[in-house]
Amino acid sequence: MIRLLVLWLTLTASAFAVSNPAELLPDPAQEYRARALGQRLRCLVCQNNSVEESEADFARDLRRVIRERVKAGEDDAQVITWMTARYGDFVRLSPAFSAQTVLLWASPFLALLAGGAAVVLARRRQMPPPVPLTDVEREAVRKLSGS
């Protein structure tokens, strides 16, 4: 039983890990906003992690900058605009919708439509041609239709 407890504590320790206390803001509301902003921005070193998830030195610096700007009273849009102006659109984990990113946003829907069209065309090609009616069937149709 103790082994299971030790194993559980070892595996879940990362969930209880706290950020560097020097990085935390004293106001919980500001800290929550800073963390939410950090989740929306990409670490440019790791590239697949948010600034909040990454342990890279650069991400630590970005977390510090985010907290300084939140503490200074900037809103979320101002912080993201500043980061985007400084590091480019790539810093956003979810790119903004603009004329430059229309294809990026539309590509999943276009791929779905293309896949659906391919399935429909493939099914049409696989359908066998209709078999002509026999004389007996033609006579039965004539009787049913009353002609």
N, C-alpha and C. Protein backbone atom coordinates (compact mmCIF):
# COMPACT_ATOMS: atom_id res chain seq x y z
N MET A 1 0.82 -1.19 0.00
CA MET A 1 0.00 0.00 0.00
C MET A 1 0.87 1.26 0.00
N ILE A 2 1.94 1.22 0.77
CA ILE A 2 2.84 2.37 0.82
C ILE A 2 3.49 2.59 -0.53
N ARG A 3 3.83 1.51 -1.22
CA ARG A 3 4.43 1.65 -2.55
C ARG A 3 3.47 2.35 -3.51
N LEU A 4 2.19 1.99 -3.43
CA LEU A 4 1.21 2.64 -4.29
C LEU A 4 1.09 4.12 -3.97
N LEU A 5 1.13 4.46 -2.69
CA LEU A 5 1.06 5.86 -2.28
C LEU A 5 2.27 6.63 -2.79
N VAL A 6 3.45 6.06 -2.66
CA VAL A 6 4.67 6.71 -3.14
C VAL A 6 4.61 6.87 -4.66
N LEU A 7 4.15 5.84 -5.36
CA LEU A 7 4.02 5.91 -6.81
C LEU A 7 3.03 7.00 -7.20
N TRP A 8 1.89 7.05 -6.53
CA TRP A 8 0.89 8.06 -6.83
C TRP A 8 1.45 9.46 -6.58
N LEU A 9 2.12 9.67 -5.47
CA LEU A 9 2.69 10.98 -5.17
C LEU A 9 3.75 11.37 -6.19
N THR A 10 4.54 10.41 -6.63
CA THR A 10 5.57 10.70 -7.63
C THR A 10 4.94 11.10 -8.96
N LEU A 11 3.91 10.39 -9.36
CA LEU A 11 3.28 10.67 -10.65
C LEU A 11 2.46 11.96 -10.65
N THR A 12 1.92 12.33 -9.52
CA THR A 12 1.08 13.53 -9.47
C THR A 12 1.81 14.74 -8.93
N ALA A 13 3.07 14.63 -8.64
CA ALA A 13 3.82 15.75 -8.07
C ALA A 13 3.82 16.95 -9.01
N SER A 14 3.86 16.70 -10.30
CA SER A 14 3.89 17.82 -11.24
C SER A 14 2.59 18.61 -11.20
N ALA A 15 1.49 17.97 -10.87
CA ALA A 15 0.22 18.68 -10.79
C ALA A 15 0.19 19.63 -9.60
N PHE A 16 0.95 19.32 -8.57
CA PHE A 16 0.98 20.17 -7.38
C PHE A 16 2.15 21.15 -7.40
N ALA A 17 2.95 21.09 -8.43
CA ALA A 17 4.12 21.98 -8.50
C ALA A 17 3.66 23.42 -8.62
N VAL A 18 4.33 24.29 -7.92
CA VAL A 18 4.00 25.71 -7.92
C VAL A 18 5.08 26.44 -8.68
N SER A 19 4.69 27.47 -9.41
CA SER A 19 5.67 28.28 -10.11
C SER A 19 6.60 28.94 -9.11
N ASN A 20 7.66 29.49 -9.65
CA ASN A 20 8.61 30.21 -8.82
C ASN A 20 7.86 31.33 -8.09
N PRO A 21 7.89 31.36 -6.77
CA PRO A 21 7.14 32.37 -6.03
C PRO A 21 7.52 33.80 -6.41
N ALA A 22 8.74 34.00 -6.90
CA ALA A 22 9.15 35.34 -7.31
C ALA A 22 8.36 35.79 -8.53
N GLU A 23 7.84 34.84 -9.32
CA GLU A 23 7.07 35.19 -10.52
C GLU A 23 5.63 35.56 -10.20
N LEU A 24 5.11 35.11 -9.08
CA LEU A 24 3.69 35.27 -8.78
C LEU A 24 3.35 36.71 -8.40
N LEU A 25 2.17 37.14 -8.84
CA LEU A 25 1.67 38.46 -8.47
C LEU A 25 0.93 38.37 -7.15
N PRO A 26 0.99 39.39 -6.32
CA PRO A 26 0.30 39.33 -5.03
C PRO A 26 -1.23 39.33 -5.16
N ASP A 27 -1.76 39.95 -6.21
CA ASP A 27 -3.21 39.99 -6.42
C ASP A 27 -3.64 38.73 -7.19
N PRO A 28 -4.49 37.88 -6.60
CA PRO A 28 -4.90 36.64 -7.26
C PRO A 28 -5.61 36.86 -8.60
N ALA A 29 -6.38 37.94 -8.72
CA ALA A 29 -7.08 38.21 -9.99
C ALA A 29 -6.07 38.53 -11.09
N GLN A 30 -5.06 39.34 -10.75
CA GLN A 30 -4.02 39.66 -11.73
C GLN A 30 -3.21 38.41 -12.08
N GLU A 31 -2.92 37.58 -11.10
CA GLU A 31 -2.17 36.35 -11.36
C GLU A 31 -2.96 35.42 -12.28
N TYR A 32 -4.27 35.34 -12.06
CA TYR A 32 -5.12 34.51 -12.92
C TYR A 32 -5.08 35.03 -14.35
N ARG A 33 -5.20 36.35 -14.52
CA ARG A 33 -5.13 36.95 -15.87
C ARG A 33 -3.78 36.70 -16.51
N ALA A 34 -2.71 36.83 -15.75
CA ALA A 34 -1.37 36.62 -16.29
C ALA A 34 -1.19 35.17 -16.74
N ARG A 35 -1.70 34.24 -15.95
CA ARG A 35 -1.60 32.82 -16.34
C ARG A 35 -2.43 32.54 -17.59
N ALA A 36 -3.62 33.13 -17.65
CA ALA A 36 -4.47 32.93 -18.83
C ALA A 36 -3.80 33.50 -20.08
N LEU A 37 -3.16 34.65 -19.94
CA LEU A 37 -2.43 35.23 -21.07
C LEU A 37 -1.26 34.34 -21.46
N GLY A 38 -0.56 33.82 -20.48
CA GLY A 38 0.57 32.93 -20.75
C GLY A 38 0.15 31.66 -21.47
N GLN A 39 -1.08 31.20 -21.21
CA GLN A 39 -1.60 30.01 -21.91
C GLN A 39 -1.92 30.31 -23.37
N ARG A 40 -2.15 31.58 -23.69
CA ARG A 40 -2.51 31.96 -25.07
C ARG A 40 -1.28 32.29 -25.92
N LEU A 41 -0.12 32.39 -25.29
CA LEU A 41 1.09 32.77 -26.03
C LEU A 41 2.06 31.60 -26.12
N ARG A 42 2.72 31.48 -27.26
CA ARG A 42 3.62 30.37 -27.54
C ARG A 42 5.04 30.69 -27.06
N CYS A 43 5.68 29.69 -26.50
CA CYS A 43 7.10 29.81 -26.17
C CYS A 43 7.86 29.69 -27.49
N LEU A 44 8.64 30.67 -27.82
CA LEU A 44 9.35 30.65 -29.10
C LEU A 44 10.53 29.69 -29.10
N VAL A 45 10.93 29.21 -27.94
CA VAL A 45 12.00 28.21 -27.86
C VAL A 45 11.41 26.82 -28.05
N CYS A 46 10.36 26.51 -27.30
CA CYS A 46 9.75 25.17 -27.36
C CYS A 46 8.81 25.04 -28.55
N GLN A 47 8.14 26.09 -28.93
CA GLN A 47 7.25 26.22 -30.08
C GLN A 47 5.96 25.43 -29.98
N ASN A 48 5.89 24.37 -29.22
CA ASN A 48 4.62 23.66 -29.08
C ASN A 48 4.06 23.78 -27.68
N ASN A 49 4.68 24.58 -26.86
CA ASN A 49 4.21 24.80 -25.49
C ASN A 49 3.82 26.26 -25.32
N SER A 50 2.91 26.48 -24.40
CA SER A 50 2.59 27.86 -24.07
C SER A 50 3.70 28.41 -23.17
N VAL A 51 3.68 29.71 -23.00
CA VAL A 51 4.67 30.36 -22.13
C VAL A 51 4.53 29.84 -20.70
N GLU A 52 3.30 29.56 -20.28
CA GLU A 52 3.07 29.06 -18.92
C GLU A 52 3.59 27.64 -18.73
N GLU A 53 3.53 26.81 -19.76
CA GLU A 53 3.94 25.41 -19.64
C GLU A 53 5.44 25.23 -19.77
N SER A 54 6.10 26.13 -20.45
CA SER A 54 7.52 25.96 -20.76
C SER A 54 8.40 26.34 -19.58
N GLU A 55 9.51 25.63 -19.46
CA GLU A 55 10.49 25.94 -18.43
C GLU A 55 11.74 26.61 -19.02
N ALA A 56 11.69 26.98 -20.28
CA ALA A 56 12.83 27.63 -20.93
C ALA A 56 13.05 29.01 -20.30
N ASP A 57 14.29 29.45 -20.32
CA ASP A 57 14.62 30.77 -19.75
C ASP A 57 13.85 31.88 -20.47
N PHE A 58 13.73 31.74 -21.78
CA PHE A 58 13.01 32.75 -22.55
C PHE A 58 11.54 32.82 -22.12
N ALA A 59 10.93 31.67 -21.89
CA ALA A 59 9.54 31.64 -21.43
C ALA A 59 9.42 32.28 -20.05
N ARG A 60 10.39 32.04 -19.21
CA ARG A 60 10.40 32.67 -17.88
C ARG A 60 10.45 34.19 -18.02
N ASP A 61 11.27 34.67 -18.96
CA ASP A 61 11.34 36.11 -19.21
C ASP A 61 10.01 36.65 -19.72
N LEU A 62 9.37 35.91 -20.62
CA LEU A 62 8.07 36.35 -21.14
C LEU A 62 7.01 36.36 -20.04
N ARG A 63 7.03 35.36 -19.15
CA ARG A 63 6.09 35.36 -18.02
C ARG A 63 6.30 36.60 -17.15
N ARG A 64 7.56 36.95 -16.94
CA ARG A 64 7.86 38.14 -16.14
C ARG A 64 7.31 39.40 -16.82
N VAL A 65 7.51 39.50 -18.14
CA VAL A 65 7.02 40.66 -18.88
C VAL A 65 5.49 40.72 -18.83
N ILE A 66 4.85 39.58 -19.01
CA ILE A 66 3.38 39.53 -18.95
C ILE A 66 2.90 40.03 -17.59
N ARG A 67 3.52 39.55 -16.52
CA ARG A 67 3.11 39.95 -15.18
C ARG A 67 3.37 41.44 -14.93
N GLU A 68 4.48 41.95 -15.45
CA GLU A 68 4.76 43.39 -15.30
C GLU A 68 3.69 44.22 -16.00
N ARG A 69 3.30 43.81 -17.19
CA ARG A 69 2.31 44.56 -17.96
C ARG A 69 0.92 44.45 -17.32
N VAL A 70 0.58 43.27 -16.82
CA VAL A 70 -0.72 43.11 -16.13
C VAL A 70 -0.72 43.96 -14.87
N LYS A 71 0.37 43.95 -14.14
CA LYS A 71 0.47 44.73 -12.90
C LYS A 71 0.39 46.23 -13.21
N ALA A 72 0.90 46.64 -14.39
CA ALA A 72 0.85 48.05 -14.78
C ALA A 72 -0.55 48.48 -15.21
N GLY A 73 -1.47 47.52 -15.33
CA GLY A 73 -2.85 47.87 -15.64
C GLY A 73 -3.26 47.68 -17.09
N GLU A 74 -2.39 47.10 -17.90
CA GLU A 74 -2.75 46.87 -19.30
C GLU A 74 -3.79 45.75 -19.38
N ASP A 75 -4.70 45.87 -20.36
CA ASP A 75 -5.67 44.79 -20.53
C ASP A 75 -5.07 43.69 -21.41
N ASP A 76 -5.81 42.59 -21.55
CA ASP A 76 -5.31 41.43 -22.28
C ASP A 76 -4.94 41.77 -23.72
N ALA A 77 -5.80 42.54 -24.38
CA ALA A 77 -5.55 42.89 -25.78
C ALA A 77 -4.26 43.70 -25.93
N GLN A 78 -4.00 44.59 -25.00
CA GLN A 78 -2.77 45.40 -25.07
C GLN A 78 -1.53 44.52 -24.90
N VAL A 79 -1.59 43.58 -23.98
CA VAL A 79 -0.44 42.69 -23.76
C VAL A 79 -0.19 41.84 -24.99
N ILE A 80 -1.25 41.27 -25.56
CA ILE A 80 -1.09 40.42 -26.74
C ILE A 80 -0.63 41.24 -27.93
N THR A 81 -1.16 42.46 -28.08
CA THR A 81 -0.72 43.33 -29.18
C THR A 81 0.76 43.66 -29.03
N TRP A 82 1.21 43.93 -27.82
CA TRP A 82 2.63 44.23 -27.60
C TRP A 82 3.50 43.02 -27.95
N MET A 83 3.08 41.84 -27.49
CA MET A 83 3.85 40.62 -27.78
C MET A 83 3.88 40.34 -29.28
N THR A 84 2.74 40.52 -29.94
CA THR A 84 2.67 40.27 -31.38
C THR A 84 3.53 41.27 -32.15
N ALA A 85 3.50 42.53 -31.72
CA ALA A 85 4.33 43.54 -32.39
C ALA A 85 5.81 43.23 -32.21
N ARG A 86 6.15 42.71 -31.07
CA ARG A 86 7.57 42.43 -30.78
C ARG A 86 8.06 41.12 -31.39
N TYR A 87 7.23 40.06 -31.35
CA TYR A 87 7.68 38.73 -31.76
C TYR A 87 6.95 38.18 -32.99
N GLY A 88 5.96 38.89 -33.50
CA GLY A 88 5.24 38.43 -34.68
C GLY A 88 4.03 37.58 -34.31
N ASP A 89 3.21 37.27 -35.32
CA ASP A 89 1.99 36.50 -35.10
C ASP A 89 2.26 35.09 -34.60
N PHE A 90 3.47 34.58 -34.84
CA PHE A 90 3.79 33.21 -34.42
C PHE A 90 3.73 33.05 -32.91
N VAL A 91 3.85 34.15 -32.16
CA VAL A 91 3.83 34.06 -30.70
C VAL A 91 2.45 33.67 -30.18
N ARG A 92 1.42 33.85 -30.99
CA ARG A 92 0.07 33.46 -30.58
C ARG A 92 -0.11 31.96 -30.81
N LEU A 93 -0.62 31.26 -29.82
CA LEU A 93 -0.92 29.84 -30.01
C LEU A 93 -2.11 29.66 -30.94
N SER A 94 -3.05 30.58 -30.90
CA SER A 94 -4.21 30.57 -31.78
C SER A 94 -4.16 31.85 -32.60
N PRO A 95 -3.81 31.76 -33.89
CA PRO A 95 -3.64 32.99 -34.68
C PRO A 95 -4.93 33.78 -34.81
N ALA A 96 -4.78 35.09 -34.92
CA ALA A 96 -5.93 35.98 -35.07
C ALA A 96 -6.55 35.78 -36.45
N PHE A 97 -7.84 36.03 -36.56
CA PHE A 97 -8.52 35.93 -37.84
C PHE A 97 -8.29 37.23 -38.60
N SER A 98 -7.59 37.13 -39.73
CA SER A 98 -7.31 38.30 -40.56
C SER A 98 -7.26 37.85 -42.01
N ALA A 99 -7.06 38.80 -42.91
CA ALA A 99 -6.97 38.46 -44.33
C ALA A 99 -5.81 37.52 -44.60
N GLN A 100 -4.75 37.63 -43.81
CA GLN A 100 -3.57 36.78 -44.01
C GLN A 100 -3.79 35.36 -43.51
N THR A 101 -4.72 35.16 -42.59
CA THR A 101 -4.90 33.84 -41.99
C THR A 101 -6.22 33.17 -42.39
N VAL A 102 -6.92 33.74 -43.38
CA VAL A 102 -8.20 33.16 -43.81
C VAL A 102 -8.01 31.72 -44.26
N LEU A 103 -6.99 31.48 -45.08
CA LEU A 103 -6.77 30.13 -45.58
C LEU A 103 -6.46 29.17 -44.43
N LEU A 104 -5.71 29.65 -43.45
CA LEU A 104 -5.39 28.82 -42.29
C LEU A 104 -6.66 28.41 -41.54
N TRP A 105 -7.57 29.34 -41.35
CA TRP A 105 -8.81 29.05 -40.63
C TRP A 105 -9.78 28.23 -41.48
N ALA A 106 -9.77 28.45 -42.81
CA ALA A 106 -10.73 27.77 -43.69
C ALA A 106 -10.26 26.39 -44.10
N SER A 107 -8.97 26.10 -43.99
CA SER A 107 -8.44 24.83 -44.50
C SER A 107 -9.10 23.58 -43.88
N PRO A 108 -9.43 23.52 -42.60
CA PRO A 108 -10.10 22.32 -42.11
C PRO A 108 -11.47 22.10 -42.77
N PHE A 109 -12.21 23.18 -42.99
CA PHE A 109 -13.52 23.05 -43.62
C PHE A 109 -13.37 22.67 -45.10
N LEU A 110 -12.38 23.26 -45.77
CA LEU A 110 -12.14 22.92 -47.17
C LEU A 110 -11.72 21.46 -47.30
N ALA A 111 -10.90 20.98 -46.37
CA ALA A 111 -10.47 19.58 -46.41
C ALA A 111 -11.67 18.66 -46.17
N LEU A 112 -12.56 19.04 -45.27
CA LEU A 112 -13.76 18.24 -45.02
C LEU A 112 -14.66 18.19 -46.26
N LEU A 113 -14.83 19.33 -46.92
CA LEU A 113 -15.63 19.36 -48.15
C LEU A 113 -14.99 18.52 -49.25
N ALA A 114 -13.68 18.63 -49.40
CA ALA A 114 -12.98 17.85 -50.42
C ALA A 114 -13.10 16.36 -50.13
N GLY A 115 -12.99 15.98 -48.89
CA GLY A 115 -13.14 14.57 -48.52
C GLY A 115 -14.54 14.06 -48.79
N GLY A 116 -15.55 14.87 -48.48
CA GLY A 116 -16.93 14.50 -48.75
C GLY A 116 -17.18 14.35 -50.25
N ALA A 117 -16.64 15.28 -51.03
CA ALA A 117 -16.80 15.20 -52.49
C ALA A 117 -16.11 13.95 -53.03
N ALA A 118 -14.95 13.62 -52.50
CA ALA A 118 -14.23 12.42 -52.95
C ALA A 118 -15.03 11.16 -52.63
N VAL A 119 -15.66 11.12 -51.48
CA VAL A 119 -16.48 9.95 -51.10
C VAL A 119 -17.69 9.83 -52.03
N VAL A 120 -18.36 10.95 -52.29
CA VAL A 120 -19.54 10.92 -53.18
C VAL A 120 -19.14 10.46 -54.57
N LEU A 121 -18.05 11.00 -55.11
CA LEU A 121 -17.61 10.60 -56.45
C LEU A 121 -17.21 9.12 -56.49
N ALA A 122 -16.55 8.66 -55.47
CA ALA A 122 -16.14 7.25 -55.43
C ALA A 122 -17.36 6.34 -55.37
N ARG A 123 -18.38 6.73 -54.60
CA ARG A 123 -19.59 5.90 -54.50
C ARG A 123 -20.35 5.87 -55.82
N ARG A 124 -20.35 7.00 -56.53
CA ARG A 124 -21.05 7.04 -57.82
C ARG A 124 -20.37 6.12 -58.83
N ARG A 125 -19.07 6.09 -58.79
CA ARG A 125 -18.32 5.25 -59.73
C ARG A 125 -18.51 3.77 -59.42
N GLN A 126 -18.76 3.43 -58.18
CA GLN A 126 -18.90 2.03 -57.78
C GLN A 126 -20.30 1.49 -58.03
N MET A 127 -21.27 2.34 -58.29
CA MET A 127 -22.65 1.87 -58.49
C MET A 127 -22.74 1.11 -59.82
N PRO A 128 -23.33 -0.08 -59.78
CA PRO A 128 -23.49 -0.84 -61.03
C PRO A 128 -24.57 -0.20 -61.91
N PRO A 129 -24.46 -0.37 -63.22
CA PRO A 129 -25.50 0.20 -64.09
C PRO A 129 -26.82 -0.52 -63.84
N PRO A 130 -27.93 0.17 -64.05
CA PRO A 130 -29.23 -0.47 -63.79
C PRO A 130 -29.46 -1.64 -64.76
N VAL A 131 -30.04 -2.70 -64.23
CA VAL A 131 -30.34 -3.89 -65.02
C VAL A 131 -31.68 -3.65 -65.74
N PRO A 132 -31.74 -3.90 -67.05
CA PRO A 132 -33.02 -3.69 -67.76
C PRO A 132 -34.09 -4.66 -67.26
N LEU A 133 -35.34 -4.20 -67.33
CA LEU A 133 -36.46 -5.02 -66.87
C LEU A 133 -36.70 -6.18 -67.85
N THR A 134 -37.11 -7.28 -67.27
CA THR A 134 -37.49 -8.42 -68.12
C THR A 134 -38.90 -8.18 -68.64
N ASP A 135 -39.32 -8.99 -69.59
CA ASP A 135 -40.67 -8.85 -70.16
C ASP A 135 -41.74 -9.06 -69.10
N VAL A 136 -41.52 -10.00 -68.19
CA VAL A 136 -42.49 -10.27 -67.12
C VAL A 136 -42.60 -9.05 -66.20
N GLU A 137 -41.46 -8.45 -65.87
CA GLU A 137 -41.46 -7.27 -64.99
C GLU A 137 -42.13 -6.08 -65.68
N ARG A 138 -41.86 -5.92 -66.98
CA ARG A 138 -42.48 -4.84 -67.74
C ARG A 138 -44.01 -5.00 -67.74
N GLU A 139 -44.46 -6.21 -67.92
CA GLU A 139 -45.90 -6.49 -67.93
C GLU A 139 -46.51 -6.19 -66.56
N ALA A 140 -45.78 -6.54 -65.48
CA ALA A 140 -46.27 -6.26 -64.12
C ALA A 140 -46.36 -4.76 -63.88
N VAL A 141 -45.39 -4.01 -64.36
CA VAL A 141 -45.40 -2.55 -64.19
C VAL A 141 -46.57 -1.96 -64.97
N ARG A 142 -46.81 -2.46 -66.18
CA ARG A 142 -47.91 -1.97 -67.00
C ARG A 142 -49.25 -2.22 -66.30
N LYS A 143 -49.41 -3.38 -65.69
CA LYS A 143 -50.66 -3.70 -64.99
C LYS A 143 -50.85 -2.80 -63.77
N LEU A 144 -49.74 -2.55 -63.04
CA LEU A 144 -49.83 -1.71 -61.84
C LEU A 144 -50.12 -0.25 -62.19
N SER A 145 -49.56 0.22 -63.26
CA SER A 145 -49.75 1.62 -63.62
C SER A 145 -51.06 1.85 -64.35
N GLY A 146 -51.70 0.78 -64.80
CA GLY A 146 -53.00 0.91 -65.43
C GLY A 146 -52.94 1.32 -66.89
N SER A 147 -51.82 1.17 -67.56
CA SER A 147 -51.77 1.55 -68.97
C SER A 147 -51.87 0.38 -69.88
